Amino acid sequence: MHTFAVARAVHGIEPLVATEIRRSGAGVVHEMRHREVWFDTPGTAGLPALRTADDVLLAAAVVDGIGRERSALRRLARAARELDPGPLPAPGAAGLEVSASFVGRRNYTRYDVEDAVGAELARPARVPYHSRRDGARPPGGATAWRVTIEGERAMIAVRPAPRPLHRRAYKTASVRGTLHPPLAAAMGELAGLAGLSAGARTVLDPCCGAGTTLIEARALAPGARFLGFDHAPDALAAARANAGGGGACTWARADGGRVPVRDGAADRVLVNPPWGRQVPPLGLLAGGLGPLWREVRRVLADDGLAVALVHDDRLPRGLAVERAVRVSLSGRHPLIAVLRKE
């Protein structure tokens, strides 16, 4: 028996999530939507291992005919009221909460959707529904439901896990500008890390921050060697704390414009440069990112790949763009650029 599951994702990387689902054997993909991948899975045990997904939910209902008018709220409420509770997680004493989102303009708000569905879900279970309408935060332990609407089709789904997938257990330390873990995992997917042959392969991040990119890369290529450099000591301390023990990752202080690695030593370079928004460029990068891109090109093997998060479409010189993926992140729309030596 297969289970209908929904993987939530950063907008733009839905195809990468679908690729990971197929490659890992987590399920059979049958539809991609805005920030969602719908798939059938033979079992839920492997779902927490999906790294490019923000979250994975179990679909409880798909509801058609959800238009822009407020009558859609009654249709959603009826669908929630008629759910079969058999295959769903049992509600806990802490009650339940609902998070809703939709694409396009509607004559109702996300809070209207949440309250319409949440009240009906809570009634038969006789547990409290925790509304977010007045800015209240649901208590820990509340069962998390989600409603998404695109076009005239809505999905009602529930999270089987106690927290979203993007909240990584390893991430105990952070710094400003730290990268969203599923996005870092997507960069590793685009770098082809899962297909790296066994051996002394080197993956390098010249602006490693709290280490998220290389820690996610390590999950894809556990046999590789990982080198992380940063100008800020507090970032390196966070990276060491997050990476834990073991010798797979080496962290060292260095300027992104002068990386202490020999020419052509890196099979893959993953980098989220300091763009001057949350993190100011320091050292040789204070005057611009030209020195960083020169170093990336220098340390990259002739057959290697660099994957960079590029803001304002400022693509580096000296590197050819093999692929570019536009993503939505914190209200901005950077590119994940896959680069080779020209």
C-alpha atoms as a PDB file:
ATOM      1  CA  MET A   1       0.000   0.000   0.000  1.00  0.00           C
ATOM      2  CA  HIS A   2       1.342   3.413  -0.985  1.00  0.00           C
ATOM      3  CA  THR A   3       0.942   6.681   0.903  1.00  0.00           C
ATOM      4  CA  PHE A   4       0.254  10.012  -0.809  1.00  0.00           C
ATOM      5  CA  ALA A   5       2.910  12.450   0.415  1.00  0.00           C
ATOM      6  CA  VAL A   6       3.732  16.108  -0.241  1.00  0.00           C
ATOM      7  CA  ALA A   7       7.238  17.554  -0.133  1.00  0.00           C
ATOM      8  CA  ARG A   8       7.386  21.298   0.510  1.00  0.00           C
ATOM      9  CA  ALA A   9      10.299  23.194  -1.055  1.00  0.00           C
ATOM     10  CA  VAL A  10      11.917  26.550  -1.684  1.00  0.00           C
ATOM     11  CA  HIS A  11      10.315  27.871  -4.860  1.00  0.00           C
ATOM     12  CA  GLY A  12      12.571  27.107  -7.807  1.00  0.00           C
ATOM     13  CA  ILE A  13      14.089  23.852  -6.593  1.00  0.00           C
ATOM     14  CA  GLU A  14      10.965  21.700  -6.920  1.00  0.00           C
ATOM     15  CA  PRO A  15      12.604  19.702  -9.792  1.00  0.00           C
ATOM     16  CA  LEU A  16      15.632  19.028  -7.580  1.00  0.00           C
ATOM     17  CA  VAL A  17      13.373  17.740  -4.814  1.00  0.00           C
ATOM     18  CA  ALA A  18      11.663  15.475  -7.339  1.00  0.00           C
ATOM     19  CA  THR A  19      15.072  14.208  -8.481  1.00  0.00           C
ATOM     20  CA  GLU A  20      16.089  13.402  -4.908  1.00  0.00           C
ATOM     21  CA  ILE A  21      12.806  11.567  -4.277  1.00  0.00           C
ATOM     22  CA  ARG A  22      13.373   9.396  -7.353  1.00  0.00           C
ATOM     23  CA  ARG A  23      17.083   8.799  -6.748  1.00  0.00           C
ATOM     24  CA  SER A  24      16.637   7.878  -3.103  1.00  0.00           C
ATOM     25  CA  GLY A  25      13.747   5.528  -3.802  1.00  0.00           C
ATOM     26  CA  ALA A  26      11.496   7.553  -1.501  1.00  0.00           C
ATOM     27  CA  GLY A  27       8.614   7.376  -3.950  1.00  0.00           C
ATOM     28  CA  VAL A  28       7.102   7.952  -7.378  1.00  0.00           C
ATOM     29  CA  VAL A  29       6.565  11.599  -8.312  1.00  0.00           C
ATOM     30  CA  HIS A  30       3.291  12.385 -10.049  1.00  0.00           C
ATOM     31  CA  GLU A  31       2.959  16.189  -9.895  1.00  0.00           C
ATOM     32  CA  MET A  32       4.952  19.360  -9.206  1.00  0.00           C
ATOM     33  CA  ARG A  33       3.244  22.531  -8.036  1.00  0.00           C
ATOM     34  CA  HIS A  34       4.268  25.871  -6.560  1.00  0.00           C
ATOM     35  CA  ARG A  35       6.629  24.899  -3.716  1.00  0.00           C
ATOM     36  CA  GLU A  36       5.300  21.339  -3.686  1.00  0.00           C
ATOM     37  CA  VAL A  37       6.127  17.907  -5.073  1.00  0.00           C
ATOM     38  CA  TRP A  38       3.341  15.329  -4.846  1.00  0.00           C
ATOM     39  CA  PHE A  39       4.450  11.706  -4.751  1.00  0.00           C
ATOM     40  CA  ASP A  40       3.434   8.223  -3.688  1.00  0.00           C
ATOM     41  CA  THR A  41       5.722   6.564  -1.166  1.00  0.00           C
ATOM     42  CA  PRO A  42       5.891   2.881  -0.220  1.00  0.00           C
ATOM     43  CA  GLY A  43       6.578   3.841   3.395  1.00  0.00           C
ATOM     44  CA  THR A  44       7.228   6.877   5.563  1.00  0.00           C
ATOM     45  CA  ALA A  45      10.391   5.657   7.286  1.00  0.00           C
ATOM     46  CA  GLY A  46      12.752   7.176   4.705  1.00  0.00           C
ATOM     47  CA  LEU A  47      11.027  10.521   4.301  1.00  0.00           C
ATOM     48  CA  PRO A  48      13.053  12.351   6.993  1.00  0.00           C
ATOM     49  CA  ALA A  49      16.191  11.629   4.929  1.00  0.00           C
ATOM     50  CA  LEU A  50      15.078  13.964   2.100  1.00  0.00           C
ATOM     51  CA  ARG A  51      17.467  16.901   2.383  1.00  0.00           C
ATOM     52  CA  THR A  52      16.290  19.268  -0.364  1.00  0.00           C
ATOM     53  CA  ALA A  53      12.737  19.365   1.021  1.00  0.00           C
ATOM     54  CA  ASP A  54      11.680  21.951   3.591  1.00  0.00           C
ATOM     55  CA  ASP A  55       9.123  19.518   4.940  1.00  0.00           C
ATOM     56  CA  VAL A  56       7.256  16.322   4.099  1.00  0.00           C
ATOM     57  CA  LEU A  57       3.549  15.969   4.840  1.00  0.00           C
ATOM     58  CA  LEU A  58       0.989  13.212   4.474  1.00  0.00           C
ATOM     59  CA  ALA A  59      -1.897  14.205   2.227  1.00  0.00           C
ATOM     60  CA  ALA A  60      -5.294  13.876   3.880  1.00  0.00           C
ATOM     61  CA  ALA A  61      -7.475  15.378   1.140  1.00  0.00           C
ATOM     62  CA  VAL A  62      -7.321  17.043  -2.265  1.00  0.00           C
ATOM     63  CA  VAL A  63     -10.212  19.456  -2.736  1.00  0.00           C
ATOM     64  CA  ASP A  64     -11.225  20.809  -6.151  1.00  0.00           C
ATOM     65  CA  GLY A  65     -13.392  23.844  -6.887  1.00  0.00           C
ATOM     66  CA  ILE A  66     -11.617  26.192  -4.464  1.00  0.00           C
ATOM     67  CA  GLY A  67     -12.146  29.544  -6.121  1.00  0.00           C
ATOM     68  CA  ARG A  68     -11.495  33.137  -5.091  1.00  0.00           C
ATOM     69  CA  GLU A  69     -14.800  33.743  -3.317  1.00  0.00           C
ATOM     70  CA  ARG A  70     -15.460  33.158   0.375  1.00  0.00           C
ATOM     71  CA  SER A  71     -17.707  30.224  -0.443  1.00  0.00           C
ATOM     72  CA  ALA A  72     -14.445  28.299  -0.839  1.00  0.00           C
ATOM     73  CA  LEU A  73     -14.092  28.403   2.951  1.00  0.00           C
ATOM     74  CA  ARG A  74     -17.257  26.357   3.385  1.00  0.00           C
ATOM     75  CA  ARG A  75     -15.993  23.820   0.866  1.00  0.00           C
ATOM     76  CA  LEU A  76     -12.696  23.484   2.712  1.00  0.00           C
ATOM     77  CA  ALA A  77     -14.462  23.170   6.071  1.00  0.00           C
ATOM     78  CA  ARG A  78     -16.670  20.405   4.701  1.00  0.00           C
ATOM     79  CA  ALA A  79     -13.645  18.534   3.349  1.00  0.00           C
ATOM     80  CA  ALA A  80     -11.931  18.755   6.742  1.00  0.00           C
ATOM     81  CA  ARG A  81     -15.088  17.563   8.478  1.00  0.00           C
ATOM     82  CA  GLU A  82     -15.326  14.522   6.198  1.00  0.00           C
ATOM     83  CA  LEU A  83     -11.712  13.342   6.538  1.00  0.00           C
ATOM     84  CA  ASP A  84     -11.185   9.684   7.321  1.00  0.00           C
ATOM     85  CA  PRO A  85      -9.189   9.733  10.601  1.00  0.00           C
ATOM     86  CA  GLY A  86      -8.035   6.136  10.167  1.00  0.00           C
ATOM     87  CA  PRO A  87      -4.707   6.666   8.340  1.00  0.00           C
ATOM     88  CA  LEU A  88      -3.890   9.993  10.044  1.00  0.00           C
ATOM     89  CA  PRO A  89      -1.665  10.596  13.069  1.00  0.00           C
ATOM     90  CA  ALA A  90      -3.607  10.544  16.320  1.00  0.00           C
ATOM     91  CA  PRO A  91      -4.027  14.079  17.705  1.00  0.00           C
ATOM     92  CA  GLY A  92      -2.102  14.808  20.884  1.00  0.00           C
ATOM     93  CA  ALA A  93      -3.386  16.492  24.005  1.00  0.00           C
ATOM     94  CA  ALA A  94      -1.660  19.719  22.940  1.00  0.00           C
ATOM     95  CA  GLY A  95      -4.211  20.099  20.153  1.00  0.00           C
ATOM     96  CA  LEU A  96      -3.551  21.132  16.592  1.00  0.00           C
ATOM     97  CA  GLU A  97      -2.502  24.107  14.507  1.00  0.00           C
ATOM     98  CA  VAL A  98      -2.991  24.903  10.827  1.00  0.00           C
ATOM     99  CA  SER A  99      -0.766  26.894   8.473  1.00  0.00           C
ATOM    100  CA  ALA A 100      -2.241  27.974   5.130  1.00  0.00           C
ATOM    101  CA  SER A 101      -0.924  29.567   1.949  1.00  0.00           C
ATOM    102  CA  PHE A 102      -2.268  30.210  -1.527  1.00  0.00           C
ATOM    103  CA  VAL A 103      -1.119  31.438  -4.926  1.00  0.00           C
ATOM    104  CA  GLY A 104      -2.830  34.521  -6.330  1.00  0.00           C
ATOM    105  CA  ARG A 105      -5.376  36.942  -4.893  1.00  0.00           C
ATOM    106  CA  ARG A 106      -8.389  35.679  -2.977  1.00  0.00           C
ATOM    107  CA  ASN A 107     -11.333  37.275  -1.187  1.00  0.00           C
ATOM    108  CA  TYR A 108     -10.215  35.678   2.034  1.00  0.00           C
ATOM    109  CA  THR A 109      -7.025  35.541   4.080  1.00  0.00           C
ATOM    110  CA  ARG A 110      -4.774  32.698   5.118  1.00  0.00           C
ATOM    111  CA  TYR A 111      -6.227  33.038   8.628  1.00  0.00           C
ATOM    112  CA  ASP A 112      -9.738  32.519   7.257  1.00  0.00           C
ATOM    113  CA  VAL A 113      -8.577  29.264   5.666  1.00  0.00           C
ATOM    114  CA  GLU A 114      -6.752  28.131   8.795  1.00  0.00           C
ATOM    115  CA  ASP A 115      -9.712  28.787  11.083  1.00  0.00           C
ATOM    116  CA  ALA A 116     -12.234  27.151   8.731  1.00  0.00           C
ATOM    117  CA  VAL A 117     -10.185  23.958   8.512  1.00  0.00           C
ATOM    118  CA  GLY A 118      -8.758  23.950  12.033  1.00  0.00           C
ATOM    119  CA  ALA A 119     -12.119  24.173  13.795  1.00  0.00           C
ATOM    120  CA  GLU A 120     -13.415  21.161  11.865  1.00  0.00           C
ATOM    121  CA  LEU A 121     -10.277  19.091  12.431  1.00  0.00           C
ATOM    122  CA  ALA A 122     -10.327  19.738  16.174  1.00  0.00           C
ATOM    123  CA  ARG A 123     -14.032  19.053  16.777  1.00  0.00           C
ATOM    124  CA  PRO A 124     -14.182  15.225  16.393  1.00  0.00           C
ATOM    125  CA  ALA A 125     -10.850  14.773  18.156  1.00  0.00           C
ATOM    126  CA  ARG A 126     -12.014  16.964  21.064  1.00  0.00           C
ATOM    127  CA  VAL A 127      -8.701  18.786  21.244  1.00  0.00           C
ATOM    128  CA  PRO A 128      -8.042  22.545  21.144  1.00  0.00           C
ATOM    129  CA  TYR A 129      -7.384  24.314  17.869  1.00  0.00           C
ATOM    130  CA  HIS A 130      -4.719  27.015  18.187  1.00  0.00           C
ATOM    131  CA  SER A 131      -5.446  29.894  15.783  1.00  0.00           C
ATOM    132  CA  ARG A 132      -2.641  32.139  14.539  1.00  0.00           C
ATOM    133  CA  ARG A 133      -5.024  34.987  13.667  1.00  0.00           C
ATOM    134  CA  ASP A 134      -4.005  37.304  16.510  1.00  0.00           C
ATOM    135  CA  GLY A 135      -0.313  36.525  16.248  1.00  0.00           C
ATOM    136  CA  ALA A 136      -0.454  33.758  18.837  1.00  0.00           C
ATOM    137  CA  ARG A 137       2.159  31.029  18.604  1.00  0.00           C
ATOM    138  CA  PRO A 138       0.883  27.443  18.840  1.00  0.00           C
ATOM    139  CA  PRO A 139       2.278  25.472  21.778  1.00  0.00           C
ATOM    140  CA  GLY A 140       4.943  22.847  21.355  1.00  0.00           C
ATOM    141  CA  GLY A 141       3.544  19.424  20.680  1.00  0.00           C
ATOM    142  CA  ALA A 142       0.531  20.615  18.682  1.00  0.00           C
ATOM    143  CA  THR A 143      -0.141  18.483  15.597  1.00  0.00           C
ATOM    144  CA  ALA A 144       0.799  20.552  12.550  1.00  0.00           C
ATOM    145  CA  TRP A 145      -1.578  20.685   9.576  1.00  0.00           C
ATOM    146  CA  ARG A 146      -1.092  22.579   6.333  1.00  0.00           C
ATOM    147  CA  VAL A 147      -3.478  23.818   3.640  1.00  0.00           C
ATOM    148  CA  THR A 148      -2.135  24.963   0.277  1.00  0.00           C
ATOM    149  CA  ILE A 149      -4.213  26.322  -2.602  1.00  0.00           C
ATOM    150  CA  GLU A 150      -3.070  26.715  -6.196  1.00  0.00           C
ATOM    151  CA  GLY A 151      -5.538  27.402  -8.984  1.00  0.00           C
ATOM    152  CA  GLU A 152      -8.802  25.813  -7.837  1.00  0.00           C
ATOM    153  CA  ARG A 153      -7.204  22.829  -6.113  1.00  0.00           C
ATOM    154  CA  ALA A 154      -6.406  22.655  -2.407  1.00  0.00           C
ATOM    155  CA  MET A 155      -4.362  20.168  -0.427  1.00  0.00           C
ATOM    156  CA  ILE A 156      -5.005  19.402   3.238  1.00  0.00           C
ATOM    157  CA  ALA A 157      -2.039  17.594   4.782  1.00  0.00           C
ATOM    158  CA  VAL A 158      -0.512  16.772   8.152  1.00  0.00           C
ATOM    159  CA  ARG A 159       3.093  16.580   9.327  1.00  0.00           C
ATOM    160  CA  PRO A 160       3.880  13.155  10.817  1.00  0.00           C
ATOM    161  CA  ALA A 161       7.133  14.375  12.384  1.00  0.00           C
ATOM    162  CA  PRO A 162       7.469  16.655  15.425  1.00  0.00           C
ATOM    163  CA  ARG A 163       9.271  19.381  13.441  1.00  0.00           C
ATOM    164  CA  PRO A 164       9.853  20.419   9.800  1.00  0.00           C
ATOM    165  CA  LEU A 165      12.702  18.772   7.916  1.00  0.00           C
ATOM    166  CA  HIS A 166      14.542  22.068   7.399  1.00  0.00           C
ATOM    167  CA  ARG A 167      15.180  22.325  11.142  1.00  0.00           C
ATOM    168  CA  ARG A 168      18.300  20.185  11.149  1.00  0.00           C
ATOM    169  CA  ALA A 169      19.294  18.540  14.414  1.00  0.00           C
ATOM    170  CA  TYR A 170      22.969  19.317  13.741  1.00  0.00           C
ATOM    171  CA  LYS A 171      22.407  23.067  13.531  1.00  0.00           C
ATOM    172  CA  THR A 172      23.097  24.008  17.132  1.00  0.00           C
ATOM    173  CA  ALA A 173      25.067  27.167  16.271  1.00  0.00           C
ATOM    174  CA  SER A 174      24.356  29.932  13.780  1.00  0.00           C
ATOM    175  CA  VAL A 175      25.663  33.241  12.440  1.00  0.00           C
ATOM    176  CA  ARG A 176      24.089  36.037  10.420  1.00  0.00           C
ATOM    177  CA  GLY A 177      23.480  35.090   6.810  1.00  0.00           C
ATOM    178  CA  THR A 178      23.618  31.345   7.456  1.00  0.00           C
ATOM    179  CA  LEU A 179      22.269  29.373   4.513  1.00  0.00           C
ATOM    180  CA  HIS A 180      18.908  27.584   4.555  1.00  0.00           C
ATOM    181  CA  PRO A 181      19.858  23.866   4.825  1.00  0.00           C
ATOM    182  CA  PRO A 182      17.603  22.543   2.006  1.00  0.00           C
ATOM    183  CA  LEU A 183      19.005  25.216  -0.303  1.00  0.00           C
ATOM    184  CA  ALA A 184      22.533  24.129   0.614  1.00  0.00           C
ATOM    185  CA  ALA A 185      21.501  20.538  -0.128  1.00  0.00           C
ATOM    186  CA  ALA A 186      20.157  21.682  -3.510  1.00  0.00           C
ATOM    187  CA  MET A 187      23.538  23.229  -4.299  1.00  0.00           C
ATOM    188  CA  GLY A 188      25.117  19.860  -3.553  1.00  0.00           C
ATOM    189  CA  GLU A 189      22.628  18.152  -5.855  1.00  0.00           C
ATOM    190  CA  LEU A 190      23.468  20.589  -8.663  1.00  0.00           C
ATOM    191  CA  ALA A 191      27.172  19.952  -8.059  1.00  0.00           C
ATOM    192  CA  GLY A 192      26.583  16.257  -8.717  1.00  0.00           C
ATOM    193  CA  LEU A 193      27.992  15.260  -5.344  1.00  0.00           C
ATOM    194  CA  ALA A 194      25.849  12.125  -5.183  1.00  0.00           C
ATOM    195  CA  GLY A 195      27.609  10.882  -8.317  1.00  0.00           C
ATOM    196  CA  LEU A 196      31.193  11.606  -7.233  1.00  0.00           C
ATOM    197  CA  SER A 197      33.354   8.532  -7.583  1.00  0.00           C
ATOM    198  CA  ALA A 198      34.948   7.105  -4.482  1.00  0.00           C
ATOM    199  CA  GLY A 199      38.393   8.374  -3.624  1.00  0.00           C
ATOM    200  CA  ALA A 200      40.142  11.474  -2.384  1.00  0.00           C
ATOM    201  CA  ARG A 201      37.722  14.025  -3.835  1.00  0.00           C
ATOM    202  CA  THR A 202      37.894  17.535  -2.390  1.00  0.00           C
ATOM    203  CA  VAL A 203      34.904  19.818  -1.831  1.00  0.00           C
ATOM    204  CA  LEU A 204      35.737  23.382  -0.820  1.00  0.00           C
ATOM    205  CA  ASP A 205      33.780  26.358   0.521  1.00  0.00           C
ATOM    206  CA  PRO A 206      35.824  29.591   0.694  1.00  0.00           C
ATOM    207  CA  CYS A 207      33.077  31.460   2.644  1.00  0.00           C
ATOM    208  CA  CYS A 208      31.786  28.651   4.827  1.00  0.00           C
ATOM    209  CA  GLY A 209      29.949  30.611   7.538  1.00  0.00           C
ATOM    210  CA  ALA A 210      28.340  28.184  10.003  1.00  0.00           C
ATOM    211  CA  GLY A 211      29.295  25.224   7.811  1.00  0.00           C
ATOM    212  CA  THR A 212      25.821  24.436   6.464  1.00  0.00           C
ATOM    213  CA  THR A 213      26.882  23.965   2.835  1.00  0.00           C
ATOM    214  CA  LEU A 214      29.661  21.491   3.550  1.00  0.00           C
ATOM    215  CA  ILE A 215      27.692  19.583   6.190  1.00  0.00           C
ATOM    216  CA  GLU A 216      24.884  19.094   3.666  1.00  0.00           C
ATOM    217  CA  ALA A 217      27.466  18.141   1.033  1.00  0.00           C
ATOM    218  CA  ARG A 218      28.937  15.536   3.395  1.00  0.00           C
ATOM    219  CA  ALA A 219      25.562  13.759   3.455  1.00  0.00           C
ATOM    220  CA  LEU A 220      25.707  13.402  -0.346  1.00  0.00           C
ATOM    221  CA  ALA A 221      29.383  12.448  -0.676  1.00  0.00           C
ATOM    222  CA  PRO A 222      30.476  10.934   2.644  1.00  0.00           C
ATOM    223  CA  GLY A 223      33.770   9.696   1.215  1.00  0.00           C
ATOM    224  CA  ALA A 224      35.015  13.128   0.120  1.00  0.00           C
ATOM    225  CA  ARG A 225      37.335  15.581   1.868  1.00  0.00           C
ATOM    226  CA  PHE A 226      35.759  18.887   2.893  1.00  0.00           C
ATOM    227  CA  LEU A 227      37.616  22.183   3.373  1.00  0.00           C
ATOM    228  CA  GLY A 228      35.836  25.199   4.834  1.00  0.00           C
ATOM    229  CA  PHE A 229      37.385  28.666   5.131  1.00  0.00           C
ATOM    230  CA  ASP A 230      36.029  31.895   6.565  1.00  0.00           C
ATOM    231  CA  HIS A 231      37.378  35.284   7.603  1.00  0.00           C
ATOM    232  CA  ALA A 232      35.302  35.398  10.826  1.00  0.00           C
ATOM    233  CA  PRO A 233      36.379  33.344  13.870  1.00  0.00           C
ATOM    234  CA  ASP A 234      32.808  33.165  15.220  1.00  0.00           C
ATOM    235  CA  ALA A 235      31.647  31.586  11.944  1.00  0.00           C
ATOM    236  CA  LEU A 236      34.358  28.933  12.159  1.00  0.00           C
ATOM    237  CA  ALA A 237      33.427  28.187  15.770  1.00  0.00           C
ATOM    238  CA  ALA A 238      29.807  27.683  14.674  1.00  0.00           C
ATOM    239  CA  ALA A 239      30.902  25.442  11.785  1.00  0.00           C
ATOM    240  CA  ARG A 240      32.960  23.227  14.108  1.00  0.00           C
ATOM    241  CA  ALA A 241      30.056  22.954  16.568  1.00  0.00           C
ATOM    242  CA  ASN A 242      27.598  22.039  13.824  1.00  0.00           C
ATOM    243  CA  ALA A 243      29.879  19.531  12.101  1.00  0.00           C
ATOM    244  CA  GLY A 244      30.574  17.592  15.301  1.00  0.00           C
ATOM    245  CA  GLY A 245      33.445  15.147  15.572  1.00  0.00           C
ATOM    246  CA  GLY A 246      35.220  13.258  12.837  1.00  0.00           C
ATOM    247  CA  GLY A 247      37.873  14.306  10.377  1.00  0.00           C
ATOM    248  CA  ALA A 248      35.792  14.674   7.210  1.00  0.00           C
ATOM    249  CA  CYS A 249      35.591  18.484   7.528  1.00  0.00           C
ATOM    250  CA  THR A 250      38.542  20.795   8.066  1.00  0.00           C
ATOM    251  CA  TRP A 251      37.824  24.374   9.094  1.00  0.00           C
ATOM    252  CA  ALA A 252      40.398  27.174   8.945  1.00  0.00           C
ATOM    253  CA  ARG A 253      40.533  30.946   8.961  1.00  0.00           C
ATOM    254  CA  ALA A 254      41.363  32.480   5.587  1.00  0.00           C
ATOM    255  CA  ASP A 255      40.454  35.397   3.368  1.00  0.00           C
ATOM    256  CA  GLY A 256      38.065  34.474   0.561  1.00  0.00           C
ATOM    257  CA  GLY A 257      40.356  36.366  -1.806  1.00  0.00           C
ATOM    258  CA  ARG A 258      43.409  34.273  -0.863  1.00  0.00           C
ATOM    259  CA  VAL A 259      42.496  30.642  -0.202  1.00  0.00           C
ATOM    260  CA  PRO A 260      45.401  28.493   1.099  1.00  0.00           C
ATOM    261  CA  VAL A 261      44.847  25.665  -1.400  1.00  0.00           C
ATOM    262  CA  ARG A 262      46.995  24.744  -4.391  1.00  0.00           C
ATOM    263  CA  ASP A 263      45.869  25.333  -7.970  1.00  0.00           C
ATOM    264  CA  GLY A 264      43.293  22.846  -9.277  1.00  0.00           C
ATOM    265  CA  ALA A 265      42.939  21.051  -5.927  1.00  0.00           C
ATOM    266  CA  ALA A 266      39.138  21.276  -5.617  1.00  0.00           C
ATOM    267  CA  ASP A 267      36.833  18.915  -7.481  1.00  0.00           C
ATOM    268  CA  ARG A 268      33.838  20.936  -6.315  1.00  0.00           C
ATOM    269  CA  VAL A 269      33.519  24.473  -4.924  1.00  0.00           C
ATOM    270  CA  LEU A 270      30.299  25.448  -3.140  1.00  0.00           C
ATOM    271  CA  VAL A 271      29.930  29.061  -2.081  1.00  0.00           C
ATOM    272  CA  ASN A 272      27.389  31.537  -0.762  1.00  0.00           C
ATOM    273  CA  PRO A 273      29.401  34.776  -0.962  1.00  0.00           C
ATOM    274  CA  PRO A 274      28.952  37.708   1.431  1.00  0.00           C
ATOM    275  CA  TRP A 275      26.767  40.066  -0.584  1.00  0.00           C
ATOM    276  CA  GLY A 276      26.819  42.950   1.895  1.00  0.00           C
ATOM    277  CA  ARG A 277      23.247  42.560   3.121  1.00  0.00           C
ATOM    278  CA  GLN A 278      23.352  40.462   6.260  1.00  0.00           C
ATOM    279  CA  VAL A 279      27.100  39.834   6.139  1.00  0.00           C
ATOM    280  CA  PRO A 280      29.563  42.562   5.068  1.00  0.00           C
ATOM    281  CA  PRO A 281      32.459  41.433   2.847  1.00  0.00           C
ATOM    282  CA  LEU A 282      35.734  41.560   4.745  1.00  0.00           C
ATOM    283  CA  GLY A 283      39.417  41.556   3.868  1.00  0.00           C
ATOM    284  CA  LEU A 284      40.217  41.364   0.172  1.00  0.00           C
ATOM    285  CA  LEU A 285      36.495  41.057  -0.624  1.00  0.00           C
ATOM    286  CA  ALA A 286      35.607  44.417   0.942  1.00  0.00           C
ATOM    287  CA  GLY A 287      36.158  46.135  -2.403  1.00  0.00           C
ATOM    288  CA  GLY A 288      34.186  43.610  -4.444  1.00  0.00           C
ATOM    289  CA  LEU A 289      33.936  39.888  -5.135  1.00  0.00           C
ATOM    290  CA  GLY A 290      36.436  39.821  -8.002  1.00  0.00           C
ATOM    291  CA  PRO A 291      39.203  38.278  -5.842  1.00  0.00           C
ATOM    292  CA  LEU A 292      36.834  35.517  -4.696  1.00  0.00           C
ATOM    293  CA  TRP A 293      35.918  34.494  -8.237  1.00  0.00           C
ATOM    294  CA  ARG A 294      39.577  34.510  -9.278  1.00  0.00           C
ATOM    295  CA  GLU A 295      40.353  32.168  -6.378  1.00  0.00           C
ATOM    296  CA  VAL A 296      37.425  29.908  -7.217  1.00  0.00           C
ATOM    297  CA  ARG A 297      38.713  29.585 -10.763  1.00  0.00           C
ATOM    298  CA  ARG A 298      42.288  28.992  -9.578  1.00  0.00           C
ATOM    299  CA  VAL A 299      41.527  26.218  -7.083  1.00  0.00           C
ATOM    300  CA  LEU A 300      38.936  24.476  -9.281  1.00  0.00           C
ATOM    301  CA  ALA A 301      40.092  21.348 -11.114  1.00  0.00           C
ATOM    302  CA  ASP A 302      39.881  21.495 -14.903  1.00  0.00           C
ATOM    303  CA  ASP A 303      36.968  19.037 -14.867  1.00  0.00           C
ATOM    304  CA  GLY A 304      35.476  20.437 -11.655  1.00  0.00           C
ATOM    305  CA  LEU A 305      32.270  22.323 -10.927  1.00  0.00           C
ATOM    306  CA  ALA A 306      31.564  25.372  -8.798  1.00  0.00           C
ATOM    307  CA  VAL A 307      28.060  26.063  -7.508  1.00  0.00           C
ATOM    308  CA  ALA A 308      27.388  29.569  -6.210  1.00  0.00           C
ATOM    309  CA  LEU A 309      24.424  31.512  -4.886  1.00  0.00           C
ATOM    310  CA  VAL A 310      24.442  34.674  -7.011  1.00  0.00           C
ATOM    311  CA  HIS A 311      22.487  37.805  -6.107  1.00  0.00           C
ATOM    312  CA  ASP A 312      21.446  40.587  -8.505  1.00  0.00           C
ATOM    313  CA  ASP A 313      22.479  38.346 -11.432  1.00  0.00           C
ATOM    314  CA  ARG A 314      26.104  39.393 -10.956  1.00  0.00           C
ATOM    315  CA  LEU A 315      27.652  36.356 -12.598  1.00  0.00           C
ATOM    316  CA  PRO A 316      31.422  35.952 -12.140  1.00  0.00           C
ATOM    317  CA  ARG A 317      33.922  36.518 -14.908  1.00  0.00           C
ATOM    318  CA  GLY A 318      36.257  33.755 -15.967  1.00  0.00           C
ATOM    319  CA  LEU A 319      33.700  31.041 -15.283  1.00  0.00           C
ATOM    320  CA  ALA A 320      31.167  29.673 -17.747  1.00  0.00           C
ATOM    321  CA  VAL A 321      27.571  29.195 -16.586  1.00  0.00           C
ATOM    322  CA  GLU A 322      26.476  25.620 -17.236  1.00  0.00           C
ATOM    323  CA  ARG A 323      23.103  25.931 -15.505  1.00  0.00           C
ATOM    324  CA  ALA A 324      21.220  28.556 -13.498  1.00  0.00           C
ATOM    325  CA  VAL A 325      18.251  27.975 -11.202  1.00  0.00           C
ATOM    326  CA  ARG A 326      16.198  30.951 -10.001  1.00  0.00           C
ATOM    327  CA  VAL A 327      14.952  30.582  -6.426  1.00  0.00           C
ATOM    328  CA  SER A 328      12.859  32.637  -4.008  1.00  0.00           C
ATOM    329  CA  LEU A 329      14.583  33.296  -0.716  1.00  0.00           C
ATOM    330  CA  SER A 330      13.579  35.779   1.995  1.00  0.00           C
ATOM    331  CA  GLY A 331      11.791  37.995  -0.499  1.00  0.00           C
ATOM    332  CA  ARG A 332      14.673  37.982  -2.981  1.00  0.00           C
ATOM    333  CA  HIS A 333      15.280  35.955  -6.139  1.00  0.00           C
ATOM    334  CA  PRO A 334      18.926  34.884  -6.420  1.00  0.00           C
ATOM    335  CA  LEU A 335      20.353  32.350  -8.840  1.00  0.00           C
ATOM    336  CA  ILE A 336      22.037  29.092  -8.034  1.00  0.00           C
ATOM    337  CA  ALA A 337      24.691  29.100 -10.753  1.00  0.00           C
ATOM    338  CA  VAL A 338      26.578  25.973 -11.829  1.00  0.00           C
ATOM    339  CA  LEU A 339      29.957  27.083 -13.156  1.00  0.00           C
ATOM    340  CA  ARG A 340      32.892  25.593 -15.059  1.00  0.00           C
ATOM    341  CA  LYS A 341      36.221  27.004 -16.085  1.00  0.00           C
ATOM    342  CA  GLU A 342      36.033  28.772 -19.419  1.00  0.00           C
END
